[in-house]
Amino acid sequence: MKRSEINQIIRESIELMEKYQFQLPPFAFWTLDVWKENSLTCQEIFENQLGWDITDFGSGDIDSTGLVLFTIRNGHPMNWEKKTGKLYAEKIMISKVNQITPMHFHWNKMEDIINRNGGKLVMDVYKADDNEGFSDESFCLSVDGKAVECTAGERLILQPGESVTFPPNIYHSFWGEEKPVLIGEVSLVNDDHNDNRFFEVVGRFPDVDEDEQPEFLLVSDYAKYL
C-alpha cells in the first residue's frame, strides 16, 4: 500500500468516527515529531501494538478486501502465562459497504464484536473442524446474551447496538451493508502475529510504499521510525 493512501484512509476514518461520535485517545493524532518526544514513556503502546492498523490483507484492493483498526488497549500475550497485567483488549474498527474481512478464527482469543454505529454488520460464520476446515455441524453463539443456534455458513446481521460473542475456533467473515459500520471489539489479549487462522492465506500487515511522509504512524511503523 502507498503511504499516501494510508494517510488518506486514516484522515477519512477520523472524520467518520467524529460523525459517529466516537472519541479516540490523544496518541491517535500524534505526528512523528510528537511520537519522538514521547517515545521513552510509550513502551506499553509499542509492546502491545496500540494504535492504527490498516490492512488490505494482501489483496491490493482495500475497498473490496480490507479493514481499518485502532487498538485502544491491550495486554501482552505473556500476561496470560504470568497471570498479571492486562488480560484484555479493545479495538475500534471500520468496515465499508461490501468491504470484506476474510474468513478467520482465533485459537485462543474470545471476543465480542459490536456494531457501534452506522449500517448493518453482516457476518458469515462456521465452526472449525478438527483439520481447521469448515465443519457442517451446527453450533451456538451468544448474541447480546441470548443463545442463538447457528447452522454451518449461517449469515448473522447485527444492527447498531447489537453484538455477538465468538469463542475460539469459530470462523467468521464480515462486511458493512448500507453504510460504513463502526465496529467495536472487546476481547482477551489480542495477538495478531500468532493467533489469527485465516481460511485462505492472506497478508496481515502490508508492505508500505513510502511515496510521502507518514502523517500518522501504524503499529507496524514503530520499530522503523522510533
Protein backbone atom coordinates (compact mmCIF):
# COMPACT_ATOMS: atom_id res chain seq x y z
CA MET A 1 0.00 0.00 0.00
CA LYS A 2 1.13 3.56 -0.67
CA ARG A 3 1.76 5.80 2.33
CA SER A 4 -0.38 8.49 0.70
CA GLU A 5 -3.28 6.01 0.61
CA ILE A 6 -2.78 5.09 4.27
CA ASN A 7 -2.68 8.76 5.30
CA GLN A 8 -5.91 9.44 3.40
CA ILE A 9 -7.68 6.39 4.86
CA ILE A 10 -6.80 7.46 8.41
CA ARG A 11 -8.00 11.03 7.78
CA GLU A 12 -11.30 9.66 6.46
CA SER A 13 -11.55 7.24 9.39
CA ILE A 14 -11.12 10.07 11.91
CA GLU A 15 -13.88 12.02 10.16
CA LEU A 16 -16.23 9.03 10.28
CA MET A 17 -15.54 8.39 13.97
CA GLU A 18 -16.25 12.06 14.71
CA LYS A 19 -19.51 11.76 12.76
CA TYR A 20 -20.44 8.67 14.76
CA GLN A 21 -19.35 10.44 17.99
CA PHE A 22 -16.59 8.01 18.92
CA GLN A 23 -13.60 9.64 20.61
CA LEU A 24 -10.09 8.29 20.11
CA PRO A 25 -7.23 8.69 22.63
CA PRO A 26 -4.76 11.54 22.03
CA PHE A 27 -1.98 9.38 20.57
CA ALA A 28 -4.23 8.60 17.60
CA PHE A 29 -3.42 12.07 16.28
CA TRP A 30 0.28 12.38 17.11
CA THR A 31 2.67 13.43 14.38
CA LEU A 32 6.07 11.77 14.03
CA ASP A 33 7.71 14.62 15.97
CA VAL A 34 5.29 14.20 18.88
CA TRP A 35 5.90 10.45 18.87
CA LYS A 36 9.64 11.05 19.14
CA GLU A 37 9.13 13.47 22.04
CA ASN A 38 7.07 10.86 23.93
CA SER A 39 8.73 7.62 22.84
CA LEU A 40 10.53 6.94 26.14
CA THR A 41 7.22 6.84 28.01
CA CYS A 42 5.25 4.79 25.47
CA GLN A 43 6.61 1.28 25.93
CA GLU A 44 3.14 -0.10 26.65
CA ILE A 45 1.93 1.28 23.32
CA PHE A 46 4.87 -0.23 21.43
CA GLU A 47 4.97 -3.62 23.15
CA ASN A 48 1.22 -4.22 22.92
CA GLN A 49 0.79 -2.65 19.46
CA LEU A 50 -1.74 0.01 20.35
CA GLY A 51 -2.74 2.38 17.58
CA TRP A 52 -3.58 2.44 13.87
CA ASP A 53 -3.60 -0.75 11.82
CA ILE A 54 -4.64 -0.52 8.16
CA THR A 55 -4.73 -3.72 6.12
CA ASP A 56 -5.80 -4.86 2.68
CA PHE A 57 -4.98 -8.47 3.64
CA GLY A 58 -2.62 -8.61 0.68
CA SER A 59 -5.46 -8.09 -1.80
CA GLY A 60 -4.11 -4.90 -3.39
CA ASP A 61 -7.68 -3.54 -3.26
CA ILE A 62 -8.57 -2.32 0.22
CA ASP A 63 -12.02 -1.13 -0.86
CA SER A 64 -13.08 -4.71 -1.60
CA THR A 65 -10.96 -6.61 0.95
CA GLY A 66 -9.63 -4.72 3.93
CA LEU A 67 -10.21 -3.20 7.34
CA VAL A 68 -9.31 -0.15 9.41
CA LEU A 69 -8.44 -0.93 13.02
CA PHE A 70 -7.34 1.09 16.02
CA THR A 71 -6.26 -0.84 19.12
CA ILE A 72 -7.20 1.26 22.12
CA ARG A 73 -5.96 -1.05 24.88
CA ASN A 74 -4.26 -4.43 25.00
CA GLY A 75 -2.13 -6.64 27.21
CA HIS A 76 0.94 -8.61 26.17
CA PRO A 77 0.40 -12.30 25.26
CA MET A 78 2.86 -13.24 28.03
CA ASN A 79 0.42 -11.78 30.58
CA TRP A 80 -1.66 -14.95 30.44
CA GLU A 81 1.31 -17.10 31.40
CA LYS A 82 2.25 -14.73 34.21
CA LYS A 83 -1.38 -14.13 35.27
CA THR A 84 -0.59 -10.44 35.67
CA GLY A 85 -1.19 -7.18 33.84
CA LYS A 86 -3.95 -6.55 31.33
CA LEU A 87 -5.63 -9.75 30.19
CA TYR A 88 -7.99 -7.95 27.83
CA ALA A 89 -8.07 -5.81 24.71
CA GLU A 90 -10.32 -3.28 22.99
CA LYS A 91 -10.38 -2.20 19.34
CA ILE A 92 -12.47 0.08 17.19
CA MET A 93 -12.74 -0.82 13.51
CA ILE A 94 -14.35 0.45 10.32
CA SER A 95 -15.76 -1.75 7.59
CA LYS A 96 -17.06 0.00 4.48
CA VAL A 97 -20.00 -1.20 2.42
CA ASN A 98 -19.08 -4.59 0.88
CA GLN A 99 -15.52 -4.31 2.23
CA ILE A 100 -14.80 -7.87 3.33
CA THR A 101 -12.66 -9.05 6.21
CA PRO A 102 -11.68 -12.58 5.12
CA MET A 103 -12.83 -15.73 6.91
CA HIS A 104 -10.74 -16.44 10.01
CA PHE A 105 -10.80 -17.64 13.58
CA HIS A 106 -8.58 -17.37 16.68
CA TRP A 107 -7.03 -20.31 18.52
CA ASN A 108 -7.01 -18.54 21.91
CA LYS A 109 -8.93 -15.28 21.82
CA MET A 110 -12.58 -14.96 22.76
CA GLU A 111 -14.08 -11.72 21.52
CA ASP A 112 -17.25 -9.68 21.42
CA ILE A 113 -17.88 -7.98 18.07
CA ILE A 114 -20.19 -4.99 18.42
CA ASN A 115 -21.97 -2.86 15.83
CA ARG A 116 -21.29 0.55 17.40
CA ASN A 117 -22.92 2.70 14.71
CA GLY A 118 -23.62 3.05 11.00
CA GLY A 119 -25.07 0.42 8.69
CA LYS A 120 -25.69 -3.29 9.12
CA LEU A 121 -22.79 -5.54 10.09
CA VAL A 122 -23.13 -8.76 8.10
CA MET A 123 -21.22 -11.88 9.16
CA ASP A 124 -20.88 -15.42 7.79
CA VAL A 125 -19.97 -17.99 10.43
CA TYR A 126 -18.79 -21.60 10.60
CA LYS A 127 -17.43 -23.87 13.29
CA ALA A 128 -13.90 -25.10 12.52
CA ASP A 129 -13.48 -28.85 12.24
CA ASP A 130 -10.56 -30.86 13.63
CA ASN A 131 -8.49 -30.08 10.50
CA GLU A 132 -9.31 -26.34 10.66
CA GLY A 133 -11.68 -26.58 7.72
CA PHE A 134 -15.38 -25.69 7.72
CA SER A 135 -17.45 -28.03 9.83
CA ASP A 136 -21.01 -28.84 8.77
CA GLU A 137 -22.05 -29.01 12.43
CA SER A 138 -24.47 -26.55 13.99
CA PHE A 139 -23.25 -24.53 16.97
CA CYS A 140 -24.44 -21.95 19.46
CA LEU A 141 -23.39 -18.30 19.71
CA SER A 142 -24.28 -15.65 22.27
CA VAL A 143 -25.96 -12.65 20.61
CA ASP A 144 -26.34 -9.95 23.26
CA GLY A 145 -26.55 -12.66 25.90
CA LYS A 146 -29.17 -14.68 24.03
CA ALA A 147 -28.23 -18.21 22.92
CA VAL A 148 -28.66 -18.45 19.14
CA GLU A 149 -28.39 -21.76 17.29
CA CYS A 150 -26.39 -21.35 14.07
CA THR A 151 -26.12 -23.69 11.11
CA ALA A 152 -22.89 -24.02 9.10
CA GLY A 153 -22.49 -20.91 6.97
CA GLU A 154 -25.18 -19.01 8.87
CA ARG A 155 -25.44 -15.33 7.98
CA LEU A 156 -25.80 -13.06 11.00
CA ILE A 157 -26.88 -9.43 10.64
CA LEU A 158 -26.14 -7.06 13.51
CA GLN A 159 -27.92 -3.73 13.69
CA PRO A 160 -26.29 -0.78 15.51
CA GLY A 161 -26.05 -1.61 19.21
CA GLU A 162 -26.11 -5.38 18.70
CA SER A 163 -23.19 -7.73 19.38
CA VAL A 164 -22.08 -11.34 19.11
CA THR A 165 -19.54 -13.34 21.12
CA PHE A 166 -17.07 -15.53 19.22
CA PRO A 167 -15.30 -18.22 21.24
CA PRO A 168 -12.10 -19.68 19.79
CA ASN A 169 -12.34 -21.85 16.65
CA ILE A 170 -15.39 -20.14 15.15
CA TYR A 171 -14.70 -18.90 11.62
CA HIS A 172 -16.17 -15.51 10.80
CA SER A 173 -16.06 -13.08 7.89
CA PHE A 174 -17.78 -9.71 7.90
CA TRP A 175 -18.58 -6.54 5.96
CA GLY A 176 -20.80 -3.48 6.10
CA GLU A 177 -24.12 -3.02 4.34
CA GLU A 178 -26.00 0.20 3.52
CA LYS A 179 -23.46 2.46 5.30
CA PRO A 180 -19.94 2.10 6.70
CA VAL A 181 -20.02 0.34 10.06
CA LEU A 182 -18.14 1.34 13.19
CA ILE A 183 -17.24 -1.95 14.86
CA GLY A 184 -16.15 -2.45 18.44
CA GLU A 185 -14.14 -5.42 19.65
CA VAL A 186 -13.76 -6.35 23.32
CA SER A 187 -11.66 -9.46 23.83
CA LEU A 188 -8.99 -11.34 25.66
CA VAL A 189 -5.42 -10.22 24.89
CA ASN A 190 -5.01 -9.70 21.15
CA ASP A 191 -2.03 -11.26 19.34
CA ASP A 192 -2.21 -10.57 15.60
CA HIS A 193 1.13 -12.28 14.95
CA ASN A 194 0.31 -15.70 16.43
CA ASP A 195 -3.45 -16.05 17.00
CA ASN A 196 -5.08 -15.49 13.58
CA ARG A 197 -6.05 -18.50 11.48
CA PHE A 198 -7.28 -17.33 8.07
CA PHE A 199 -9.05 -19.92 5.92
CA GLU A 200 -7.07 -18.72 2.90
CA VAL A 201 -3.53 -17.36 3.08
CA VAL A 202 -3.57 -13.57 3.40
CA GLY A 203 -1.10 -10.81 4.17
CA ARG A 204 -1.93 -9.33 7.56
CA PHE A 205 0.46 -6.33 7.66
CA PRO A 206 1.04 -4.64 4.28
CA ASP A 207 4.35 -3.52 2.84
CA VAL A 208 4.32 0.27 2.54
CA ASP A 209 5.47 2.26 -0.48
CA GLU A 210 6.79 5.46 1.13
CA ASP A 211 5.60 7.87 -1.58
CA GLU A 212 5.13 10.59 1.07
CA GLN A 213 5.87 11.17 4.73
CA PRO A 214 3.65 9.41 7.29
CA GLU A 215 1.03 11.75 8.70
CA PHE A 216 0.14 9.08 11.28
CA LEU A 217 2.11 6.02 12.40
CA LEU A 218 0.83 2.46 12.07
CA VAL A 219 1.61 -0.13 14.72
CA SER A 220 3.94 -1.70 12.15
CA ASP A 221 5.83 1.63 11.86
CA TYR A 222 7.00 1.92 15.46
CA ALA A 223 10.16 -0.16 15.06
CA LYS A 224 11.10 1.68 11.85
CA TYR A 225 10.58 5.27 12.97
CA LEU A 226 11.01 5.13 16.76
